[in-house]
């Protein structure tokens, strides 16, 4: 039981949820970053090009859609062929 209380206290201390705040001061930066994450926190995707079956129109359409979905970058792999 002591171990459980120790772990809970450690979590509270490490997450910083035991910080005093002044009235009207928003210190919850993580909540703001959750709804509008910075580019450095946005995901990347693996993008497989199978046997070189790509076109300029298809690449443009895919990249625009990825941007619309919030994907910040891609790692391109050429698969197949040899």
PDB file of N, CA and C in Angstrom:
ATOM      1  N   UNK A   1       0.818  -1.195   0.000  1.00  0.00           N
ATOM      2  CA  UNK A   1       0.000   0.000   0.000  1.00  0.00           C
ATOM      3  C   UNK A   1       0.866   1.265   0.000  1.00  0.00           C
ATOM      4  N   UNK A   2       1.977   1.210   0.770  1.00  0.00           N
ATOM      5  CA  UNK A   2       2.877   2.362   0.789  1.00  0.00           C
ATOM      6  C   UNK A   2       3.461   2.616  -0.597  1.00  0.00           C
ATOM      7  N   UNK A   3       3.733   1.520  -1.285  1.00  0.00           N
ATOM      8  CA  UNK A   3       4.306   1.654  -2.626  1.00  0.00           C
ATOM      9  C   UNK A   3       3.330   2.351  -3.577  1.00  0.00           C
ATOM     10  N   UNK A   4       2.051   2.035  -3.482  1.00  0.00           N
ATOM     11  CA  UNK A   4       1.036   2.661  -4.324  1.00  0.00           C
ATOM     12  C   UNK A   4       0.975   4.162  -4.073  1.00  0.00           C
ATOM     13  N   UNK A   5       0.964   4.571  -2.799  1.00  0.00           N
ATOM     14  CA  UNK A   5       0.930   6.003  -2.477  1.00  0.00           C
ATOM     15  C   UNK A   5       2.184   6.700  -2.967  1.00  0.00           C
ATOM     16  N   UNK A   6       3.316   6.024  -2.867  1.00  0.00           N
ATOM     17  CA  UNK A   6       4.568   6.603  -3.348  1.00  0.00           C
ATOM     18  C   UNK A   6       4.507   6.825  -4.861  1.00  0.00           C
ATOM     19  N   UNK A   7       4.017   5.834  -5.592  1.00  0.00           N
ATOM     20  CA  UNK A   7       3.912   5.952  -7.050  1.00  0.00           C
ATOM     21  C   UNK A   7       2.948   7.072  -7.432  1.00  0.00           C
ATOM     22  N   UNK A   8       1.813   7.167  -6.758  1.00  0.00           N
ATOM     23  CA  UNK A   8       0.856   8.240  -7.056  1.00  0.00           C
ATOM     24  C   UNK A   8       1.452   9.615  -6.766  1.00  0.00           C
ATOM     25  N   UNK A   9       2.148   9.750  -5.649  1.00  0.00           N
ATOM     26  CA  UNK A   9       2.793  11.024  -5.311  1.00  0.00           C
ATOM     27  C   UNK A   9       3.858  11.372  -6.335  1.00  0.00           C
ATOM     28  N   UNK A  10       4.606  10.385  -6.782  1.00  0.00           N
ATOM     29  CA  UNK A  10       5.634  10.613  -7.788  1.00  0.00           C
ATOM     30  C   UNK A  10       5.028  11.081  -9.105  1.00  0.00           C
ATOM     31  N   UNK A  11       3.917  10.500  -9.490  1.00  0.00           N
ATOM     32  CA  UNK A  11       3.233  10.913 -10.720  1.00  0.00           C
ATOM     33  C   UNK A  11       2.765  12.358 -10.614  1.00  0.00           C
ATOM     34  N   UNK A  12       2.191  12.727  -9.488  1.00  0.00           N
ATOM     35  CA  UNK A  12       1.718  14.105  -9.302  1.00  0.00           C
ATOM     36  C   UNK A  12       2.875  15.079  -9.388  1.00  0.00           C
ATOM     37  N   UNK A  13       3.996  14.757  -8.759  1.00  0.00           N
ATOM     38  CA  UNK A  13       5.152  15.649  -8.773  1.00  0.00           C
ATOM     39  C   UNK A  13       5.746  15.756 -10.173  1.00  0.00           C
ATOM     40  N   UNK A  14       5.901  14.622 -10.856  1.00  0.00           N
ATOM     41  CA  UNK A  14       6.532  14.640 -12.176  1.00  0.00           C
ATOM     42  C   UNK A  14       5.661  15.275 -13.246  1.00  0.00           C
ATOM     43  N   UNK A  15       4.357  15.187 -13.126  1.00  0.00           N
ATOM     44  CA  UNK A  15       3.491  15.795 -14.139  1.00  0.00           C
ATOM     45  C   UNK A  15       3.258  17.271 -13.881  1.00  0.00           C
ATOM     46  N   UNK A  16       3.643  17.746 -12.727  1.00  0.00           N
ATOM     47  CA  UNK A  16       3.507  19.170 -12.443  1.00  0.00           C
ATOM     48  C   UNK A  16       2.089  19.589 -12.151  1.00  0.00           C
ATOM     49  N   UNK A  17       1.219  18.657 -11.806  1.00  0.00           N
ATOM     50  CA  UNK A  17      -0.158  19.027 -11.538  1.00  0.00           C
ATOM     51  C   UNK A  17      -0.361  19.564 -10.127  1.00  0.00           C
ATOM     52  N   UNK A  18       0.688  19.746  -9.404  1.00  0.00           N
ATOM     53  CA  UNK A  18       0.582  20.276  -8.051  1.00  0.00           C
ATOM     54  C   UNK A  18       1.236  21.652  -7.988  1.00  0.00           C
ATOM     55  N   UNK A  19       0.976  22.497  -9.012  1.00  0.00           N
ATOM     56  CA  UNK A  19       1.565  23.831  -9.079  1.00  0.00           C
ATOM     57  C   UNK A  19       0.540  24.879  -8.713  1.00  0.00           C
ATOM     58  N   UNK A  20       0.883  25.797  -7.838  1.00  0.00           N
ATOM     59  CA  UNK A  20      -0.040  26.891  -7.545  1.00  0.00           C
ATOM     60  C   UNK A  20      -0.099  27.864  -8.730  1.00  0.00           C
ATOM     61  N   UNK A  21      -1.261  28.407  -9.002  1.00  0.00           N
ATOM     62  CA  UNK A  21      -1.424  29.373 -10.092  1.00  0.00           C
ATOM     63  C   UNK A  21      -2.125  30.611  -9.578  1.00  0.00           C
ATOM     64  N   UNK A  22      -1.886  31.694 -10.286  1.00  0.00           N
ATOM     65  CA  UNK A  22      -2.585  32.933  -9.958  1.00  0.00           C
ATOM     66  C   UNK A  22      -3.924  32.953 -10.674  1.00  0.00           C
ATOM     67  N   UNK A  23      -4.863  33.666 -10.123  1.00  0.00           N
ATOM     68  CA  UNK A  23      -6.205  33.749 -10.717  1.00  0.00           C
ATOM     69  C   UNK A  23      -6.118  34.321 -12.125  1.00  0.00           C
ATOM     70  N   UNK A  24      -6.802  33.685 -13.067  1.00  0.00           N
ATOM     71  CA  UNK A  24      -6.847  34.171 -14.438  1.00  0.00           C
ATOM     72  C   UNK A  24      -5.646  33.787 -15.280  1.00  0.00           C
ATOM     73  N   UNK A  25      -4.710  33.056 -14.716  1.00  0.00           N
ATOM     74  CA  UNK A  25      -3.508  32.679 -15.453  1.00  0.00           C
ATOM     75  C   UNK A  25      -3.681  31.278 -16.012  1.00  0.00           C
ATOM     76  N   UNK A  26      -3.514  31.132 -17.312  1.00  0.00           N
ATOM     77  CA  UNK A  26      -3.632  29.826 -17.958  1.00  0.00           C
ATOM     78  C   UNK A  26      -2.245  29.209 -18.054  1.00  0.00           C
ATOM     79  N   UNK A  27      -2.004  28.174 -17.275  1.00  0.00           N
ATOM     80  CA  UNK A  27      -0.710  27.509 -17.313  1.00  0.00           C
ATOM     81  C   UNK A  27      -0.784  26.168 -18.012  1.00  0.00           C
ATOM     82  N   UNK A  28      -1.920  25.817 -18.553  1.00  0.00           N
ATOM     83  CA  UNK A  28      -2.086  24.510 -19.188  1.00  0.00           C
ATOM     84  C   UNK A  28      -1.706  24.586 -20.662  1.00  0.00           C
ATOM     85  N   UNK A  29      -0.413  24.690 -20.915  1.00  0.00           N
ATOM     86  CA  UNK A  29       0.095  24.790 -22.277  1.00  0.00           C
ATOM     87  C   UNK A  29      -0.165  23.491 -23.032  1.00  0.00           C
ATOM     88  N   UNK A  30      -0.125  22.368 -22.328  1.00  0.00           N
ATOM     89  CA  UNK A  30      -0.322  21.094 -23.007  1.00  0.00           C
ATOM     90  C   UNK A  30      -1.720  20.970 -23.606  1.00  0.00           C
ATOM     91  N   UNK A  31      -2.728  21.546 -22.955  1.00  0.00           N
ATOM     92  CA  UNK A  31      -4.077  21.510 -23.514  1.00  0.00           C
ATOM     93  C   UNK A  31      -4.143  22.335 -24.798  1.00  0.00           C
ATOM     94  N   UNK A  32      -3.501  23.492 -24.806  1.00  0.00           N
ATOM     95  CA  UNK A  32      -3.463  24.316 -26.013  1.00  0.00           C
ATOM     96  C   UNK A  32      -2.733  23.592 -27.139  1.00  0.00           C
ATOM     97  N   UNK A  33      -1.617  22.939 -26.800  1.00  0.00           N
ATOM     98  CA  UNK A  33      -0.845  22.218 -27.810  1.00  0.00           C
ATOM     99  C   UNK A  33      -1.582  20.984 -28.314  1.00  0.00           C
ATOM    100  N   UNK A  34      -2.478  20.441 -27.506  1.00  0.00           N
ATOM    101  CA  UNK A  34      -3.255  19.275 -27.946  1.00  0.00           C
ATOM    102  C   UNK A  34      -4.203  19.658 -29.068  1.00  0.00           C
ATOM    103  N   UNK A  35      -4.876  20.795 -28.944  1.00  0.00           N
ATOM    104  CA  UNK A  35      -5.853  21.207 -29.951  1.00  0.00           C
ATOM    105  C   UNK A  35      -5.203  21.875 -31.155  1.00  0.00           C
ATOM    106  N   UNK A  36      -4.040  22.479 -30.991  1.00  0.00           N
ATOM    107  CA  UNK A  36      -3.312  23.096 -32.100  1.00  0.00           C
ATOM    108  C   UNK A  36      -1.832  22.769 -31.928  1.00  0.00           C
ATOM    109  N   UNK A  37      -1.433  21.528 -32.246  1.00  0.00           N
ATOM    110  CA  UNK A  37      -0.044  21.128 -32.003  1.00  0.00           C
ATOM    111  C   UNK A  37       0.934  21.883 -32.898  1.00  0.00           C
ATOM    112  N   UNK A  38       2.137  22.157 -32.377  1.00  0.00           N
ATOM    113  CA  UNK A  38       3.162  22.771 -33.217  1.00  0.00           C
ATOM    114  C   UNK A  38       3.628  21.768 -34.268  1.00  0.00           C
ATOM    115  N   UNK A  39       4.233  22.261 -35.334  1.00  0.00           N
ATOM    116  CA  UNK A  39       4.685  21.377 -36.412  1.00  0.00           C
ATOM    117  C   UNK A  39       5.639  20.299 -35.908  1.00  0.00           C
ATOM    118  N   UNK A  40       6.446  20.627 -34.904  1.00  0.00           N
ATOM    119  CA  UNK A  40       7.410  19.644 -34.393  1.00  0.00           C
ATOM    120  C   UNK A  40       6.737  18.460 -33.715  1.00  0.00           C
ATOM    121  N   UNK A  41       5.456  18.585 -33.364  1.00  0.00           N
ATOM    122  CA  UNK A  41       4.750  17.501 -32.683  1.00  0.00           C
ATOM    123  C   UNK A  41       3.806  16.739 -33.619  1.00  0.00           C
ATOM    124  N   UNK A  42       3.694  17.166 -34.846  1.00  0.00           N
ATOM    125  CA  UNK A  42       2.782  16.497 -35.775  1.00  0.00           C
ATOM    126  C   UNK A  42       3.416  15.216 -36.315  1.00  0.00           C
ATOM    127  N   UNK A  43       2.590  14.240 -36.663  1.00  0.00           N
ATOM    128  CA  UNK A  43       3.122  12.945 -37.088  1.00  0.00           C
ATOM    129  C   UNK A  43       3.687  12.963 -38.500  1.00  0.00           C
ATOM    130  N   UNK A  44       4.526  11.978 -38.752  1.00  0.00           N
ATOM    131  CA  UNK A  44       5.035  11.695 -40.090  1.00  0.00           C
ATOM    132  C   UNK A  44       4.436  10.366 -40.524  1.00  0.00           C
ATOM    133  N   UNK A  45       4.554  10.059 -41.799  1.00  0.00           N
ATOM    134  CA  UNK A  45       4.000   8.800 -42.313  1.00  0.00           C
ATOM    135  C   UNK A  45       5.022   8.132 -43.228  1.00  0.00           C
ATOM    136  N   UNK A  46       4.956   6.800 -43.277  1.00  0.00           N
ATOM    137  CA  UNK A  46       5.721   6.044 -44.278  1.00  0.00           C
ATOM    138  C   UNK A  46       4.920   6.060 -45.567  1.00  0.00           C
ATOM    139  N   UNK A  47       5.589   6.394 -46.659  1.00  0.00           N
ATOM    140  CA  UNK A  47       4.905   6.489 -47.948  1.00  0.00           C
ATOM    141  C   UNK A  47       5.606   5.534 -48.912  1.00  0.00           C
ATOM    142  N   UNK A  48       4.929   4.441 -49.239  1.00  0.00           N
ATOM    143  CA  UNK A  48       5.498   3.411 -50.095  1.00  0.00           C
ATOM    144  C   UNK A  48       5.121   3.667 -51.543  1.00  0.00           C
ATOM    145  N   UNK A  49       6.127   3.763 -52.400  1.00  0.00           N
ATOM    146  CA  UNK A  49       5.895   3.869 -53.834  1.00  0.00           C
ATOM    147  C   UNK A  49       6.170   2.487 -54.414  1.00  0.00           C
ATOM    148  N   UNK A  50       5.136   1.840 -54.921  1.00  0.00           N
ATOM    149  CA  UNK A  50       5.262   0.465 -55.397  1.00  0.00           C
ATOM    150  C   UNK A  50       5.680   0.428 -56.854  1.00  0.00           C
ATOM    151  N   UNK A  51       6.865  -0.114 -57.105  1.00  0.00           N
ATOM    152  CA  UNK A  51       7.412  -0.276 -58.459  1.00  0.00           C
ATOM    153  C   UNK A  51       7.455   1.027 -59.246  1.00  0.00           C
ATOM    154  N   UNK A  52       7.594   2.147 -58.568  1.00  0.00           N
ATOM    155  CA  UNK A  52       7.695   3.434 -59.253  1.00  0.00           C
ATOM    156  C   UNK A  52       6.396   3.918 -59.864  1.00  0.00           C
ATOM    157  N   UNK A  53       5.259   3.354 -59.436  1.00  0.00           N
ATOM    158  CA  UNK A  53       3.960   3.750 -59.981  1.00  0.00           C
ATOM    159  C   UNK A  53       3.487   5.040 -59.320  1.00  0.00           C
ATOM    160  N   UNK A  54       4.108   6.151 -59.723  1.00  0.00           N
ATOM    161  CA  UNK A  54       3.751   7.462 -59.194  1.00  0.00           C
ATOM    162  C   UNK A  54       3.650   8.448 -60.349  1.00  0.00           C
ATOM    163  N   UNK A  55       2.895   9.497 -60.112  1.00  0.00           N
ATOM    164  CA  UNK A  55       2.795  10.566 -61.108  1.00  0.00           C
ATOM    165  C   UNK A  55       2.816  11.904 -60.361  1.00  0.00           C
ATOM    166  N   UNK A  56       3.135  12.947 -61.079  1.00  0.00           N
ATOM    167  CA  UNK A  56       3.185  14.274 -60.463  1.00  0.00           C
ATOM    168  C   UNK A  56       1.818  14.653 -59.893  1.00  0.00           C
ATOM    169  N   UNK A  57       0.755  14.356 -60.637  1.00  0.00           N
ATOM    170  CA  UNK A  57      -0.608  14.668 -60.171  1.00  0.00           C
ATOM    171  C   UNK A  57      -0.935  13.873 -58.908  1.00  0.00           C
ATOM    172  N   UNK A  58      -0.595  12.581 -58.894  1.00  0.00           N
ATOM    173  CA  UNK A  58      -0.870  11.743 -57.737  1.00  0.00           C
ATOM    174  C   UNK A  58      -0.081  12.158 -56.512  1.00  0.00           C
ATOM    175  N   UNK A  59       1.193  12.502 -56.712  1.00  0.00           N
ATOM    176  CA  UNK A  59       2.025  12.953 -55.598  1.00  0.00           C
ATOM    177  C   UNK A  59       1.466  14.236 -55.009  1.00  0.00           C
ATOM    178  N   UNK A  60       1.109  15.182 -55.873  1.00  0.00           N
ATOM    179  CA  UNK A  60       0.555  16.452 -55.405  1.00  0.00           C
ATOM    180  C   UNK A  60      -0.730  16.238 -54.629  1.00  0.00           C
ATOM    181  N   UNK A  61      -1.625  15.418 -55.166  1.00  0.00           N
ATOM    182  CA  UNK A  61      -2.895  15.145 -54.493  1.00  0.00           C
ATOM    183  C   UNK A  61      -2.671  14.483 -53.129  1.00  0.00           C
ATOM    184  N   UNK A  62      -1.775  13.496 -53.077  1.00  0.00           N
ATOM    185  CA  UNK A  62      -1.489  12.808 -51.820  1.00  0.00           C
ATOM    186  C   UNK A  62      -0.891  13.753 -50.784  1.00  0.00           C
ATOM    187  N   UNK A  63       0.067  14.578 -51.199  1.00  0.00           N
ATOM    188  CA  UNK A  63       0.692  15.511 -50.249  1.00  0.00           C
ATOM    189  C   UNK A  63      -0.304  16.545 -49.725  1.00  0.00           C
ATOM    190  N   UNK A  64      -1.161  17.034 -50.604  1.00  0.00           N
ATOM    191  CA  UNK A  64      -2.179  18.000 -50.157  1.00  0.00           C
ATOM    192  C   UNK A  64      -3.136  17.366 -49.156  1.00  0.00           C
ATOM    193  N   UNK A  65      -3.520  16.117 -49.400  1.00  0.00           N
ATOM    194  CA  UNK A  65      -4.428  15.421 -48.480  1.00  0.00           C
ATOM    195  C   UNK A  65      -3.734  15.132 -47.150  1.00  0.00           C
ATOM    196  N   UNK A  66      -2.465  14.740 -47.206  1.00  0.00           N
ATOM    197  CA  UNK A  66      -1.726  14.507 -45.966  1.00  0.00           C
ATOM    198  C   UNK A  66      -1.635  15.787 -45.133  1.00  0.00           C
ATOM    199  N   UNK A  67      -1.385  16.904 -45.806  1.00  0.00           N
ATOM    200  CA  UNK A  67      -1.325  18.186 -45.092  1.00  0.00           C
ATOM    201  C   UNK A  67      -2.682  18.514 -44.469  1.00  0.00           C
ATOM    202  N   UNK A  68      -3.752  18.271 -45.208  1.00  0.00           N
ATOM    203  CA  UNK A  68      -5.096  18.538 -44.695  1.00  0.00           C
ATOM    204  C   UNK A  68      -5.394  17.686 -43.464  1.00  0.00           C
ATOM    205  N   UNK A  69      -4.855  16.474 -43.410  1.00  0.00           N
ATOM    206  CA  UNK A  69      -5.076  15.576 -42.284  1.00  0.00           C
ATOM    207  C   UNK A  69      -4.128  15.852 -41.123  1.00  0.00           C
ATOM    208  N   UNK A  70      -3.168  16.763 -41.302  1.00  0.00           N
ATOM    209  CA  UNK A  70      -2.262  17.114 -40.211  1.00  0.00           C
ATOM    210  C   UNK A  70      -0.949  16.366 -40.206  1.00  0.00           C
ATOM    211  N   UNK A  71      -0.643  15.652 -41.280  1.00  0.00           N
ATOM    212  CA  UNK A  71       0.632  14.945 -41.370  1.00  0.00           C
ATOM    213  C   UNK A  71       1.696  15.961 -41.779  1.00  0.00           C
ATOM    214  N   UNK A  72       2.800  15.992 -41.024  1.00  0.00           N
ATOM    215  CA  UNK A  72       3.800  17.031 -41.213  1.00  0.00           C
ATOM    216  C   UNK A  72       4.929  16.623 -42.154  1.00  0.00           C
ATOM    217  N   UNK A  73       5.106  15.336 -42.392  1.00  0.00           N
ATOM    218  CA  UNK A  73       6.183  14.902 -43.268  1.00  0.00           C
ATOM    219  C   UNK A  73       6.020  13.440 -43.633  1.00  0.00           C
ATOM    220  N   UNK A  74       6.863  12.993 -44.576  1.00  0.00           N
ATOM    221  CA  UNK A  74       6.787  11.607 -45.025  1.00  0.00           C
ATOM    222  C   UNK A  74       8.199  11.044 -45.185  1.00  0.00           C
ATOM    223  N   UNK A  75       8.290   9.734 -45.035  1.00  0.00           N
ATOM    224  CA  UNK A  75       9.492   8.993 -45.386  1.00  0.00           C
ATOM    225  C   UNK A  75       9.129   8.130 -46.571  1.00  0.00           C
ATOM    226  N   UNK A  76       9.774   8.365 -47.716  1.00  0.00           N
ATOM    227  CA  UNK A  76       9.410   7.684 -48.956  1.00  0.00           C
ATOM    228  C   UNK A  76      10.278   6.448 -49.140  1.00  0.00           C
ATOM    229  N   UNK A  77       9.612   5.332 -49.510  1.00  0.00           N
ATOM    230  CA  UNK A  77      10.292   4.082 -49.785  1.00  0.00           C
ATOM    231  C   UNK A  77       9.886   3.610 -51.172  1.00  0.00           C
ATOM    232  N   UNK A  78      10.859   3.226 -51.969  1.00  0.00           N
ATOM    233  CA  UNK A  78      10.614   2.616 -53.262  1.00  0.00           C
ATOM    234  C   UNK A  78      10.563   1.108 -53.022  1.00  0.00           C
ATOM    235  N   UNK A  79       9.429   0.492 -53.226  1.00  0.00           N
ATOM    236  CA  UNK A  79       9.273  -0.940 -52.981  1.00  0.00           C
ATOM    237  C   UNK A  79       9.101  -1.669 -54.302  1.00  0.00           C
ATOM    238  N   UNK A  80       9.667  -2.836 -54.371  1.00  0.00           N
ATOM    239  CA  UNK A  80       9.550  -3.635 -55.572  1.00  0.00           C
ATOM    240  C   UNK A  80      10.590  -3.241 -56.612  1.00  0.00           C
ATOM    241  N   UNK A  81      10.428  -3.756 -57.765  1.00  0.00           N
ATOM    242  CA  UNK A  81      11.350  -3.398 -58.843  1.00  0.00           C
ATOM    243  C   UNK A  81      12.656  -4.141 -58.780  1.00  0.00           C
ATOM    244  N   UNK A  82      13.522  -3.722 -57.895  1.00  0.00           N
ATOM    245  CA  UNK A  82      14.797  -4.425 -57.780  1.00  0.00           C
ATOM    246  C   UNK A  82      15.960  -3.537 -57.758  1.00  0.00           C
TER     247      UNK A  82
END
